[in-house]
Amino acid sequence: MKKILLIIALATMTVVANAQNKTTSAKTAQEMVYYYTDFNIVRMRDTARKKDVYVPYIGNDTDGEMTPFKDDNGNIVCFDIPVWGFNYITSLGWELCWHDDNYNAIQRWLIKKKVTKLQFDKLTKDKIGTSNTLERIPSAVEELQRMVK
């Protein structure tokens, strides 16, 4: 019985020692960053159904314009009420983060989505400009103060 226990103890010690000697190569998670773009819901007329619908628009990365969301068949996605458009955009992984209402209940939102640093660099590589000839534009408050003097 003592021999069996000794063998089990030695086997256990061997397994433990082996496990401790192995270096685990932990996979490093990719750095995640937020990517921001514009979003709004536009009220439109669906002429086939003869009713008003709400279409989610998102800022595109080519010319700064906004384009409607489309399904896999190229049809524009639309909803009977605006909140369904918000549910749709958040189901795609976007987060609503800032609202510019300009006295309008539904106008323009800033949305963000976590992407890898590599994806972010690919999305923004042509968006950064540089210049040595920039001049500061006074704020509205500064202009008002200048006019009052």
Protein backbone atom coordinates (compact mmCIF):
# COMPACT_ATOMS: atom_id res chain seq x y z
CA MET A 1 0.00 0.00 0.00
CA LYS A 2 2.88 2.32 0.87
CA LYS A 3 4.49 1.64 -2.50
CA ILE A 4 1.28 2.59 -4.36
CA LEU A 5 0.97 5.82 -2.39
CA LEU A 6 4.65 6.59 -3.07
CA ILE A 7 4.13 6.01 -6.81
CA ILE A 8 1.02 8.21 -6.84
CA ALA A 9 2.86 10.94 -4.93
CA LEU A 10 5.82 10.83 -7.32
CA ALA A 11 3.54 10.88 -10.35
CA THR A 12 1.62 13.84 -8.94
CA MET A 13 4.84 15.72 -8.18
CA THR A 14 6.10 15.06 -11.71
CA VAL A 15 2.89 16.38 -13.27
CA VAL A 16 2.90 19.48 -11.04
CA ALA A 17 6.57 20.20 -11.75
CA ASN A 18 5.99 19.80 -15.49
CA ALA A 19 2.99 22.13 -15.38
CA GLN A 20 4.97 24.81 -13.54
CA ASN A 21 7.87 24.66 -15.99
CA LYS A 22 5.71 25.27 -19.05
CA THR A 23 5.34 28.89 -20.02
CA THR A 24 1.88 29.73 -21.17
CA SER A 25 1.66 32.00 -24.15
CA ALA A 26 -1.33 34.13 -23.30
CA LYS A 27 -3.01 35.65 -26.29
CA THR A 28 -2.91 39.40 -26.07
CA ALA A 29 -6.20 41.09 -26.75
CA GLN A 30 -6.18 43.65 -29.53
CA GLU A 31 -6.40 47.24 -28.41
CA MET A 32 -9.94 48.54 -28.84
CA VAL A 33 -10.80 52.18 -29.57
CA TYR A 34 -14.03 54.07 -30.30
CA TYR A 35 -14.90 55.08 -33.85
CA TYR A 36 -17.42 57.98 -34.07
CA THR A 37 -19.79 58.97 -36.86
CA ASP A 38 -23.08 60.84 -37.42
CA PHE A 39 -26.51 59.22 -37.24
CA ASN A 40 -30.05 60.48 -37.67
CA ILE A 41 -33.57 59.27 -38.35
CA VAL A 42 -35.33 60.83 -41.35
CA ARG A 43 -39.09 60.86 -41.82
CA MET A 44 -39.94 59.80 -45.37
CA ARG A 45 -42.95 58.72 -47.38
CA ASP A 46 -43.26 55.07 -48.46
CA THR A 47 -45.30 55.52 -51.64
CA ALA A 48 -45.97 51.79 -52.07
CA ARG A 49 -47.54 51.50 -48.61
CA LYS A 50 -48.89 55.08 -48.67
CA LYS A 51 -47.59 55.91 -45.20
CA ASP A 52 -44.83 57.79 -43.45
CA VAL A 53 -41.82 55.77 -42.29
CA TYR A 54 -38.56 56.52 -40.48
CA VAL A 55 -35.23 55.77 -42.15
CA PRO A 56 -31.94 55.56 -40.22
CA TYR A 57 -29.06 57.41 -41.90
CA ILE A 58 -25.38 57.07 -41.01
CA GLY A 59 -22.38 59.19 -41.94
CA ASN A 60 -20.32 57.56 -44.67
CA ASP A 61 -16.55 57.55 -44.78
CA THR A 62 -16.09 58.79 -48.33
CA ASP A 63 -17.55 62.29 -48.69
CA GLY A 64 -18.99 63.24 -45.29
CA GLU A 65 -22.56 62.83 -46.51
CA MET A 66 -25.09 60.60 -44.79
CA THR A 67 -26.49 57.47 -46.41
CA PRO A 68 -29.51 55.37 -45.49
CA PHE A 69 -29.04 51.90 -44.06
CA LYS A 70 -29.70 49.15 -46.57
CA ASP A 71 -30.40 45.45 -46.16
CA ASP A 72 -28.47 42.65 -47.90
CA ASN A 73 -30.62 43.07 -51.04
CA GLY A 74 -29.91 46.81 -51.33
CA ASN A 75 -33.34 47.90 -50.07
CA ILE A 76 -33.49 50.90 -47.71
CA VAL A 77 -34.32 49.89 -44.14
CA CYS A 78 -37.31 51.76 -42.68
CA PHE A 79 -39.47 51.62 -39.56
CA ASP A 80 -42.99 52.67 -38.58
CA ILE A 81 -41.78 54.53 -35.48
CA PRO A 82 -38.43 56.27 -34.84
CA VAL A 83 -37.48 54.30 -31.73
CA TRP A 84 -37.26 51.08 -33.79
CA GLY A 85 -34.52 52.79 -35.82
CA PHE A 86 -32.61 53.45 -32.60
CA ASN A 87 -33.05 49.83 -31.56
CA TYR A 88 -31.77 48.78 -34.98
CA ILE A 89 -28.60 50.89 -34.79
CA THR A 90 -27.78 49.68 -31.28
CA SER A 91 -28.34 46.07 -32.35
CA LEU A 92 -25.48 46.60 -34.83
CA GLY A 93 -23.09 47.45 -31.98
CA TRP A 94 -23.31 51.26 -32.12
CA GLU A 95 -23.85 53.33 -28.96
CA LEU A 96 -25.74 56.62 -28.93
CA CYS A 97 -23.47 59.10 -27.21
CA TRP A 98 -24.47 62.68 -28.05
CA HIS A 99 -27.59 64.35 -29.38
CA ASP A 100 -27.77 67.71 -31.16
CA ASP A 101 -31.48 68.38 -31.22
CA ASN A 102 -31.54 72.02 -32.43
CA TYR A 103 -35.12 72.22 -31.12
CA ASN A 104 -36.07 69.11 -33.05
CA ALA A 105 -36.95 65.84 -31.32
CA ILE A 106 -35.03 63.75 -33.82
CA GLN A 107 -32.15 65.32 -35.66
CA ARG A 108 -28.51 64.37 -35.50
CA TRP A 109 -26.77 62.01 -33.12
CA LEU A 110 -23.16 61.15 -32.62
CA ILE A 111 -22.72 57.39 -32.35
CA LYS A 112 -19.71 55.32 -31.43
CA LYS A 113 -18.63 51.73 -31.87
CA LYS A 114 -15.65 49.85 -30.48
CA VAL A 115 -13.29 48.67 -33.18
CA THR A 116 -9.78 47.28 -33.11
CA LYS A 117 -6.92 49.74 -33.53
CA LEU A 118 -6.18 48.13 -36.90
CA GLN A 119 -9.78 48.67 -38.10
CA PHE A 120 -9.70 52.25 -36.78
CA ASP A 121 -6.47 53.01 -38.63
CA LYS A 122 -7.97 51.62 -41.84
CA LEU A 123 -11.14 53.73 -41.42
CA THR A 124 -9.29 56.96 -40.68
CA LYS A 125 -6.08 56.73 -42.71
CA ASP A 126 -7.23 59.25 -45.36
CA LYS A 127 -9.02 61.59 -42.94
CA ILE A 128 -6.05 63.29 -41.26
CA GLY A 129 -4.71 66.49 -42.81
CA THR A 130 -1.82 68.73 -41.84
CA SER A 131 -1.10 72.39 -42.47
CA ASN A 132 1.29 75.17 -41.43
CA THR A 133 -1.04 77.96 -42.53
CA LEU A 134 -3.92 77.77 -40.07
CA GLU A 135 -5.35 80.81 -38.36
CA ARG A 136 -7.63 80.81 -35.34
CA ILE A 137 -11.28 81.81 -35.83
CA PRO A 138 -12.66 83.80 -32.88
CA SER A 139 -15.50 82.22 -30.94
CA ALA A 140 -18.96 83.80 -30.96
CA VAL A 141 -18.33 85.11 -27.42
CA GLU A 142 -15.05 86.73 -28.48
CA GLU A 143 -16.74 88.34 -31.48
CA LEU A 144 -19.51 89.69 -29.28
CA GLN A 145 -16.97 91.06 -26.78
CA ARG A 146 -15.06 92.71 -29.64
CA MET A 147 -18.25 94.31 -30.96
CA VAL A 148 -19.24 95.64 -27.52
CA LYS A 149 -15.87 97.40 -26.95
